[in-house]
């Protein structure tokens, strides 16, 4: 069955405002069923989780359903919820670092979002561990497996790597890197924030010890998700309040969970499951966009053979911020910057200004791409 983008678009009230949204990598628009789930949960009687009152049981069911739905969506054993991927990464890095010693090594990449770099770098500094930096190929946008595996040793404790670059869209071979890291008894922490909206996720197949993502990047509310095997989580002792439970995964969740956001996350995953043909649809639009930009003389930095429908580009003679402003004035939302992938932007030679990023999402269609290309053509 062909991907029915018209049907999909009809589910997004925000599209009625008329903008062409290429800003999904920073946060997607939300379908009505997600907003309804959040609203309905807020307007229903609810309380702290328990089994005595109907309100307590409702809260318990919301949490249980969200955990089960996310675990199935990611093919993961256990799910931890948090305020954001950044918060979860900071918390876990501190927990793991309790066992690090001077001379231990942590591997990060120049390609990653800073949320999968800085927590590890700072934790390493505090533990007097060594940080190893894996470079990527500036010309191709590829992160070769050996760029990471050549840095591994028997002192490697963690390899932090993205499943897909939020700036370039590059999808490294995570499984090959994870296999090599595990031979050195290192943990593999995978940032799946930009990957999850575009590719069917299988945490077990990726061989990731920890996998994080953000529902608000795949049509849901603002929240963070950490997936890991329950038996692995059982071995870790995060800082927590004395009265709070020691049960996994709850021991990693600080404070009362936002039930309405969990309900929205469940609704978002259920909506994503209806999008048969999404990957093919998005890649077709990406090709249309890239070909059009090249014809207009734009410079494209996203060149990896395997990448998401995200295009990083610049226009000669114009600052990225100026391109963003002028596109925005025409109702085309394609923002500019480094998007917190600061190391990646600097490695590309783009400094802190970055470039323009156009991300394709489930609700984009050919007319959106045409609008962006016409707007770029008028920049001259």
Protein backbone atom coordinates (compact mmCIF):
# COMPACT_ATOMS: atom_id res chain seq x y z
CA UNK A 1 0.00 0.00 0.00
CA UNK A 2 1.33 3.45 -0.95
CA UNK A 3 2.11 5.90 1.82
CA UNK A 4 -0.95 8.14 2.25
CA UNK A 5 0.66 11.46 3.15
CA UNK A 6 -2.62 13.35 2.73
CA UNK A 7 -4.23 11.20 5.41
CA UNK A 8 -1.23 11.66 7.68
CA UNK A 9 -1.24 15.44 7.24
CA UNK A 10 -4.92 15.61 8.17
CA UNK A 11 -4.00 14.32 11.64
CA UNK A 12 -1.76 17.31 12.47
CA UNK A 13 -3.70 20.43 13.53
CA UNK A 14 -0.53 22.56 13.48
CA UNK A 15 -0.25 22.17 9.70
CA UNK A 16 -3.38 24.27 9.30
CA UNK A 17 -1.23 27.30 10.09
CA UNK A 18 0.31 26.88 6.65
CA UNK A 19 4.04 26.54 7.32
CA UNK A 20 6.18 23.92 5.61
CA UNK A 21 7.91 22.23 8.54
CA UNK A 22 11.47 21.03 8.03
CA UNK A 23 12.27 21.58 11.71
CA UNK A 24 11.33 18.06 12.83
CA UNK A 25 14.87 17.08 13.91
CA UNK A 26 14.53 19.67 16.66
CA UNK A 27 11.04 18.51 17.61
CA UNK A 28 8.19 17.21 15.50
CA UNK A 29 4.63 18.44 15.18
CA UNK A 30 2.05 16.43 17.12
CA UNK A 31 -0.96 14.50 15.79
CA UNK A 32 -4.35 15.07 17.35
CA UNK A 33 -4.42 11.63 19.01
CA UNK A 34 -1.32 12.53 21.05
CA UNK A 35 -2.78 15.85 22.18
CA UNK A 36 -6.03 14.07 23.03
CA UNK A 37 -4.20 11.48 25.13
CA UNK A 38 -2.40 14.20 27.09
CA UNK A 39 -5.62 16.17 27.57
CA UNK A 40 -7.71 13.16 28.60
CA UNK A 41 -5.14 12.11 31.20
CA UNK A 42 -4.99 15.59 32.69
CA UNK A 43 -8.78 15.81 32.88
CA UNK A 44 -9.25 12.37 34.44
CA UNK A 45 -8.96 11.69 38.15
CA UNK A 46 -5.38 10.63 38.81
CA UNK A 47 -3.07 10.27 41.79
CA UNK A 48 0.23 8.75 42.78
CA UNK A 49 0.44 5.16 41.60
CA UNK A 50 -1.24 2.55 43.75
CA UNK A 51 -3.99 -0.05 43.89
CA UNK A 52 -6.58 1.31 46.33
CA UNK A 53 -8.46 4.05 44.48
CA UNK A 54 -9.53 4.28 40.85
CA UNK A 55 -7.25 7.31 40.43
CA UNK A 56 -4.24 5.35 41.71
CA UNK A 57 -5.02 2.40 39.47
CA UNK A 58 -5.38 4.71 36.47
CA UNK A 59 -1.93 6.17 37.10
CA UNK A 60 -0.47 2.69 37.46
CA UNK A 61 -2.02 1.60 34.17
CA UNK A 62 -0.73 4.67 32.32
CA UNK A 63 2.83 3.91 33.43
CA UNK A 64 2.58 0.18 32.78
CA UNK A 65 1.17 0.73 29.30
CA UNK A 66 3.80 3.30 28.38
CA UNK A 67 6.64 1.02 29.50
CA UNK A 68 5.25 -1.94 27.59
CA UNK A 69 4.58 0.10 24.46
CA UNK A 70 8.05 1.65 24.39
CA UNK A 71 9.74 -1.68 25.12
CA UNK A 72 7.93 -3.28 22.18
CA UNK A 73 8.65 -0.29 19.93
CA UNK A 74 12.39 -0.46 20.64
CA UNK A 75 12.63 -4.23 21.17
CA UNK A 76 14.18 -3.56 24.55
CA UNK A 77 14.01 -5.26 27.92
CA UNK A 78 13.38 -2.39 30.30
CA UNK A 79 12.37 1.26 29.96
CA UNK A 80 13.34 4.21 32.15
CA UNK A 81 11.54 7.54 31.74
CA UNK A 82 13.13 10.91 32.45
CA UNK A 83 12.78 14.60 31.76
CA UNK A 84 14.97 14.41 28.65
CA UNK A 85 17.63 12.35 26.94
CA UNK A 86 20.20 14.84 28.24
CA UNK A 87 19.10 14.36 31.84
CA UNK A 88 19.10 10.58 31.53
CA UNK A 89 22.58 10.61 30.00
CA UNK A 90 23.95 12.82 32.74
CA UNK A 91 22.40 10.61 35.41
CA UNK A 92 23.69 7.38 33.90
CA UNK A 93 27.18 8.75 33.25
CA UNK A 94 27.47 9.65 36.94
CA UNK A 95 26.25 6.23 37.96
CA UNK A 96 28.72 4.38 35.72
CA UNK A 97 31.58 6.71 36.65
CA UNK A 98 31.42 5.52 40.26
CA UNK A 99 33.36 2.47 39.09
CA UNK A 100 35.91 4.28 36.92
CA UNK A 101 39.53 4.64 37.97
CA UNK A 102 42.38 6.90 36.80
CA UNK A 103 43.64 5.58 33.48
CA UNK A 104 40.31 4.15 32.42
CA UNK A 105 39.16 5.31 28.98
CA UNK A 106 35.93 6.67 27.50
CA UNK A 107 35.36 6.89 23.75
CA UNK A 108 33.22 9.65 22.23
CA UNK A 109 32.90 10.84 18.62
CA UNK A 110 33.18 14.17 16.83
CA UNK A 111 29.85 13.40 15.17
CA UNK A 112 27.63 13.30 18.24
CA UNK A 113 25.21 15.75 19.78
CA UNK A 114 26.79 17.36 22.82
CA UNK A 115 24.32 15.52 25.06
CA UNK A 116 26.22 12.33 24.20
CA UNK A 117 29.62 13.96 24.61
CA UNK A 118 29.72 16.43 27.47
CA UNK A 119 28.22 14.18 30.19
CA UNK A 120 30.89 11.57 29.45
CA UNK A 121 33.73 14.08 29.16
CA UNK A 122 32.81 15.74 32.44
CA UNK A 123 32.36 12.42 34.24
CA UNK A 124 35.75 11.29 32.92
CA UNK A 125 37.39 14.48 34.15
CA UNK A 126 36.00 13.93 37.63
CA UNK A 127 37.18 10.30 37.66
CA UNK A 128 40.55 11.22 36.09
CA UNK A 129 39.76 8.91 33.19
CA UNK A 130 41.01 9.53 29.65
CA UNK A 131 38.72 10.63 26.82
CA UNK A 132 39.42 9.24 23.34
CA UNK A 133 37.93 11.14 20.40
CA UNK A 134 36.83 9.32 17.24
CA UNK A 135 36.95 11.54 14.12
CA UNK A 136 34.69 11.24 11.11
CA UNK A 137 35.48 11.81 7.43
CA UNK A 138 34.77 15.46 6.63
CA UNK A 139 34.55 14.82 2.89
CA UNK A 140 32.01 12.00 3.04
CA UNK A 141 30.30 12.59 6.36
CA UNK A 142 30.98 8.94 7.23
CA UNK A 143 32.09 7.63 10.62
CA UNK A 144 34.17 4.55 9.71
CA UNK A 145 33.97 1.65 12.13
CA UNK A 146 37.75 1.64 12.53
CA UNK A 147 37.73 5.30 13.59
CA UNK A 148 36.14 4.06 16.80
CA UNK A 149 37.51 0.54 17.12
CA UNK A 150 41.11 1.71 16.71
CA UNK A 151 40.68 3.61 19.98
CA UNK A 152 39.55 0.61 22.02
CA UNK A 153 41.70 -1.02 24.67
CA UNK A 154 41.26 -3.17 27.74
CA UNK A 155 40.87 0.09 29.70
CA UNK A 156 37.86 1.25 27.67
CA UNK A 157 34.82 1.51 29.93
CA UNK A 158 32.22 3.21 27.72
CA UNK A 159 31.77 3.86 24.01
CA UNK A 160 29.23 6.65 23.44
CA UNK A 161 28.00 6.80 19.86
CA UNK A 162 25.09 8.11 17.87
CA UNK A 163 22.82 5.83 15.85
CA UNK A 164 22.23 8.78 13.50
CA UNK A 165 23.82 12.22 13.47
CA UNK A 166 21.28 14.94 14.21
CA UNK A 167 23.35 17.34 12.08
CA UNK A 168 24.33 15.23 9.06
CA UNK A 169 21.94 12.31 9.25
CA UNK A 170 24.83 9.81 9.02
CA UNK A 171 24.00 6.36 10.41
CA UNK A 172 27.22 4.69 11.62
CA UNK A 173 27.51 0.91 11.81
CA UNK A 174 26.59 0.74 15.48
CA UNK A 175 26.40 -3.03 15.61
CA UNK A 176 29.97 -3.52 14.36
CA UNK A 177 31.27 -0.92 16.80
CA UNK A 178 29.29 -2.45 19.66
CA UNK A 179 30.60 -5.93 18.91
CA UNK A 180 34.19 -4.67 19.05
CA UNK A 181 33.54 -2.69 22.24
CA UNK A 182 32.04 -5.71 23.96
CA UNK A 183 35.16 -7.73 23.16
CA UNK A 184 36.91 -5.21 25.42
CA UNK A 185 34.17 -5.54 28.05
CA UNK A 186 33.10 -1.92 27.50
CA UNK A 187 29.56 -0.63 27.74
CA UNK A 188 27.97 0.82 24.59
CA UNK A 189 25.70 3.84 25.03
CA UNK A 190 23.74 4.73 21.90
CA UNK A 191 22.05 8.06 21.24
CA UNK A 192 18.99 7.13 19.21
CA UNK A 193 17.22 10.49 19.35
CA UNK A 194 17.60 11.27 15.64
CA UNK A 195 17.45 7.62 14.58
CA UNK A 196 14.17 6.54 16.17
CA UNK A 197 11.82 8.82 14.16
CA UNK A 198 13.03 7.39 10.85
CA UNK A 199 14.12 3.77 11.22
CA UNK A 200 12.55 0.69 12.88
CA UNK A 201 14.54 0.31 16.09
CA UNK A 202 15.85 -2.99 17.45
CA UNK A 203 18.01 -2.33 20.49
CA UNK A 204 18.96 -5.98 20.81
CA UNK A 205 20.07 -6.17 17.18
CA UNK A 206 22.15 -3.01 17.60
CA UNK A 207 23.85 -4.75 20.54
CA UNK A 208 23.49 -1.56 22.58
CA UNK A 209 23.77 -1.78 26.36
CA UNK A 210 21.94 1.52 26.70
CA UNK A 211 19.77 3.26 24.10
CA UNK A 212 18.20 6.67 24.57
CA UNK A 213 15.58 8.52 22.57
CA UNK A 214 13.11 11.40 22.87
CA UNK A 215 9.39 10.97 22.07
CA UNK A 216 9.04 14.61 21.06
CA UNK A 217 11.20 13.81 18.03
CA UNK A 218 8.74 11.12 16.89
CA UNK A 219 5.41 12.92 17.24
CA UNK A 220 5.12 12.70 21.03
CA UNK A 221 5.45 15.00 24.04
CA UNK A 222 8.66 16.24 25.67
CA UNK A 223 10.18 13.32 27.53
CA UNK A 224 13.29 11.16 27.61
CA UNK A 225 13.50 7.37 27.33
CA UNK A 226 16.34 5.03 28.29
CA UNK A 227 16.22 1.39 27.22
CA UNK A 228 18.43 -1.30 28.74
CA UNK A 229 18.33 -4.90 29.86
CA UNK A 230 16.79 -5.20 33.34
CA UNK A 231 19.59 -7.49 34.50
CA UNK A 232 22.11 -4.78 33.59
CA UNK A 233 20.14 -2.09 35.39
CA UNK A 234 20.03 -4.33 38.47
CA UNK A 235 23.82 -4.04 38.75
CA UNK A 236 23.79 -0.23 38.90
CA UNK A 237 23.24 1.98 41.93
CA UNK A 238 22.15 5.51 40.97
CA UNK A 239 21.83 8.28 43.52
CA UNK A 240 18.26 8.32 44.79
CA UNK A 241 16.08 9.35 47.70
CA UNK A 242 16.09 7.02 50.70
CA UNK A 243 12.33 6.26 50.67
CA UNK A 244 12.12 5.76 46.90
CA UNK A 245 11.95 2.22 45.56
CA UNK A 246 14.96 0.11 44.70
CA UNK A 247 13.00 -1.74 42.04
CA UNK A 248 14.21 -1.63 38.44
CA UNK A 249 13.51 0.47 36.43
CA UNK A 250 11.91 2.80 39.00
CA UNK A 251 15.15 3.28 40.94
CA UNK A 252 16.43 5.38 38.00
CA UNK A 253 13.37 7.67 37.89
CA UNK A 254 13.52 10.73 40.13
CA UNK A 255 10.20 11.97 41.49
CA UNK A 256 6.67 11.34 40.29
CA UNK A 257 6.38 10.52 36.61
CA UNK A 258 4.44 12.88 34.29
CA UNK A 259 1.47 10.62 33.59
CA UNK A 260 0.00 12.82 30.88
CA UNK A 261 3.29 12.74 28.94
CA UNK A 262 3.49 8.98 29.26
CA UNK A 263 -0.02 8.68 27.86
CA UNK A 264 1.00 10.95 24.99
CA UNK A 265 4.07 8.83 24.34
CA UNK A 266 1.95 5.69 24.11
CA UNK A 267 -0.33 7.44 21.62
CA UNK A 268 2.66 8.63 19.57
CA UNK A 269 4.09 5.12 19.28
CA UNK A 270 0.70 3.72 18.30
CA UNK A 271 0.43 6.41 15.60
CA UNK A 272 3.95 5.68 14.33
CA UNK A 273 2.98 2.03 13.94
CA UNK A 274 0.32 3.01 11.39
CA UNK A 275 2.86 4.67 9.07
CA UNK A 276 3.57 1.83 6.67
CA UNK A 277 6.00 2.94 3.98
CA UNK A 278 7.32 5.88 6.00
CA UNK A 279 11.02 5.26 5.39
CA UNK A 280 10.57 4.98 1.62
CA UNK A 281 8.41 8.12 1.58
CA UNK A 282 10.94 10.16 3.53
CA UNK A 283 13.93 9.06 1.47
CA UNK A 284 12.11 9.86 -1.76
CA UNK A 285 11.51 13.41 -0.53
CA UNK A 286 15.12 13.66 0.63
CA UNK A 287 16.33 12.78 -2.85
CA UNK A 288 13.98 15.37 -4.36
CA UNK A 289 15.30 17.99 -1.96
CA UNK A 290 18.98 17.17 -2.43
CA UNK A 291 18.74 17.11 -6.22
CA UNK A 292 16.94 20.44 -6.22
CA UNK A 293 19.46 22.07 -3.89
CA UNK A 294 22.37 20.88 -6.00
CA UNK A 295 20.76 22.32 -9.13
CA UNK A 296 20.49 25.64 -7.29
CA UNK A 297 24.20 25.56 -6.39
CA UNK A 298 23.78 24.94 -2.68
CA UNK A 299 26.52 23.10 -0.83
CA UNK A 300 25.37 19.88 0.82
CA UNK A 301 27.30 18.38 3.73
CA UNK A 302 25.12 15.28 4.24
CA UNK A 303 26.82 12.74 1.99
CA UNK A 304 26.98 9.43 3.84
CA UNK A 305 25.70 6.41 1.94
CA UNK A 306 23.40 5.44 4.80
CA UNK A 307 21.68 8.45 6.32
CA UNK A 308 18.35 9.74 7.54
CA UNK A 309 16.17 12.17 5.53
CA UNK A 310 18.05 15.14 6.97
CA UNK A 311 19.95 17.55 4.74
CA UNK A 312 22.55 20.02 6.02
CA UNK A 313 23.34 22.71 3.46
CA UNK A 314 24.61 26.24 2.95
CA UNK A 315 24.22 28.92 0.29
CA UNK A 316 27.38 30.69 -0.86
CA UNK A 317 27.52 34.34 0.09
CA UNK A 318 24.84 34.11 2.76
CA UNK A 319 25.13 33.46 6.48
CA UNK A 320 23.11 30.43 7.62
CA UNK A 321 21.09 32.66 9.93
CA UNK A 322 20.18 34.90 7.00
CA UNK A 323 19.03 31.93 4.93
CA UNK A 324 16.94 30.73 7.87
CA UNK A 325 15.38 34.16 8.36
CA UNK A 326 14.47 34.58 4.70
CA UNK A 327 13.06 31.07 4.37
CA UNK A 328 11.04 31.61 7.52
CA UNK A 329 9.58 34.81 6.08
CA UNK A 330 8.13 32.66 3.29
CA UNK A 331 6.62 30.12 5.66
CA UNK A 332 9.38 27.56 5.25
CA UNK A 333 10.74 26.44 8.62
CA UNK A 334 14.29 25.20 8.02
CA UNK A 335 16.43 26.46 10.91
CA UNK A 336 20.16 27.13 10.98
CA UNK A 337 22.88 26.52 13.54
CA UNK A 338 24.92 23.72 15.05
CA UNK A 339 21.90 22.20 16.82
CA UNK A 340 24.05 21.24 19.81
CA UNK A 341 26.23 19.04 17.59
CA UNK A 342 28.95 21.59 18.25
CA UNK A 343 31.91 19.25 17.81
CA UNK A 344 30.46 18.02 14.52
CA UNK A 345 29.91 21.54 13.21
CA UNK A 346 33.44 22.59 14.14
CA UNK A 347 34.93 19.42 12.65
CA UNK A 348 33.19 20.23 9.37
CA UNK A 349 34.79 23.67 9.39
CA UNK A 350 31.45 25.39 9.98
CA UNK A 351 32.44 26.75 13.37
CA UNK A 352 29.71 27.68 15.81
CA UNK A 353 27.46 29.11 13.07
CA UNK A 354 26.72 25.72 11.55
CA UNK A 355 24.51 25.55 8.47
CA UNK A 356 20.88 25.20 7.43
CA UNK A 357 19.19 21.92 8.33
CA UNK A 358 16.13 20.59 6.51
CA UNK A 359 14.60 17.50 8.06
CA UNK A 360 11.92 15.43 6.36
CA UNK A 361 9.16 14.01 8.57
CA UNK A 362 6.03 11.87 8.24
CA UNK A 363 3.82 14.86 7.39
CA UNK A 364 6.04 16.41 4.70
CA UNK A 365 5.02 16.09 1.06
CA UNK A 366 6.34 17.06 -2.36
CA UNK A 367 4.71 20.48 -2.17
CA UNK A 368 6.70 21.23 1.00
CA UNK A 369 9.93 20.40 -0.80
CA UNK A 370 8.89 22.51 -3.78
CA UNK A 371 8.23 25.45 -1.46
CA UNK A 372 11.66 25.14 0.12
CA UNK A 373 13.40 24.94 -3.25
CA UNK A 374 11.50 27.95 -4.61
CA UNK A 375 12.41 29.92 -1.49
CA UNK A 376 16.10 29.00 -1.87
CA UNK A 377 16.00 29.99 -5.55
CA UNK A 378 14.74 33.45 -4.55
CA UNK A 379 17.72 33.98 -2.25
CA UNK A 380 19.89 34.95 -5.21
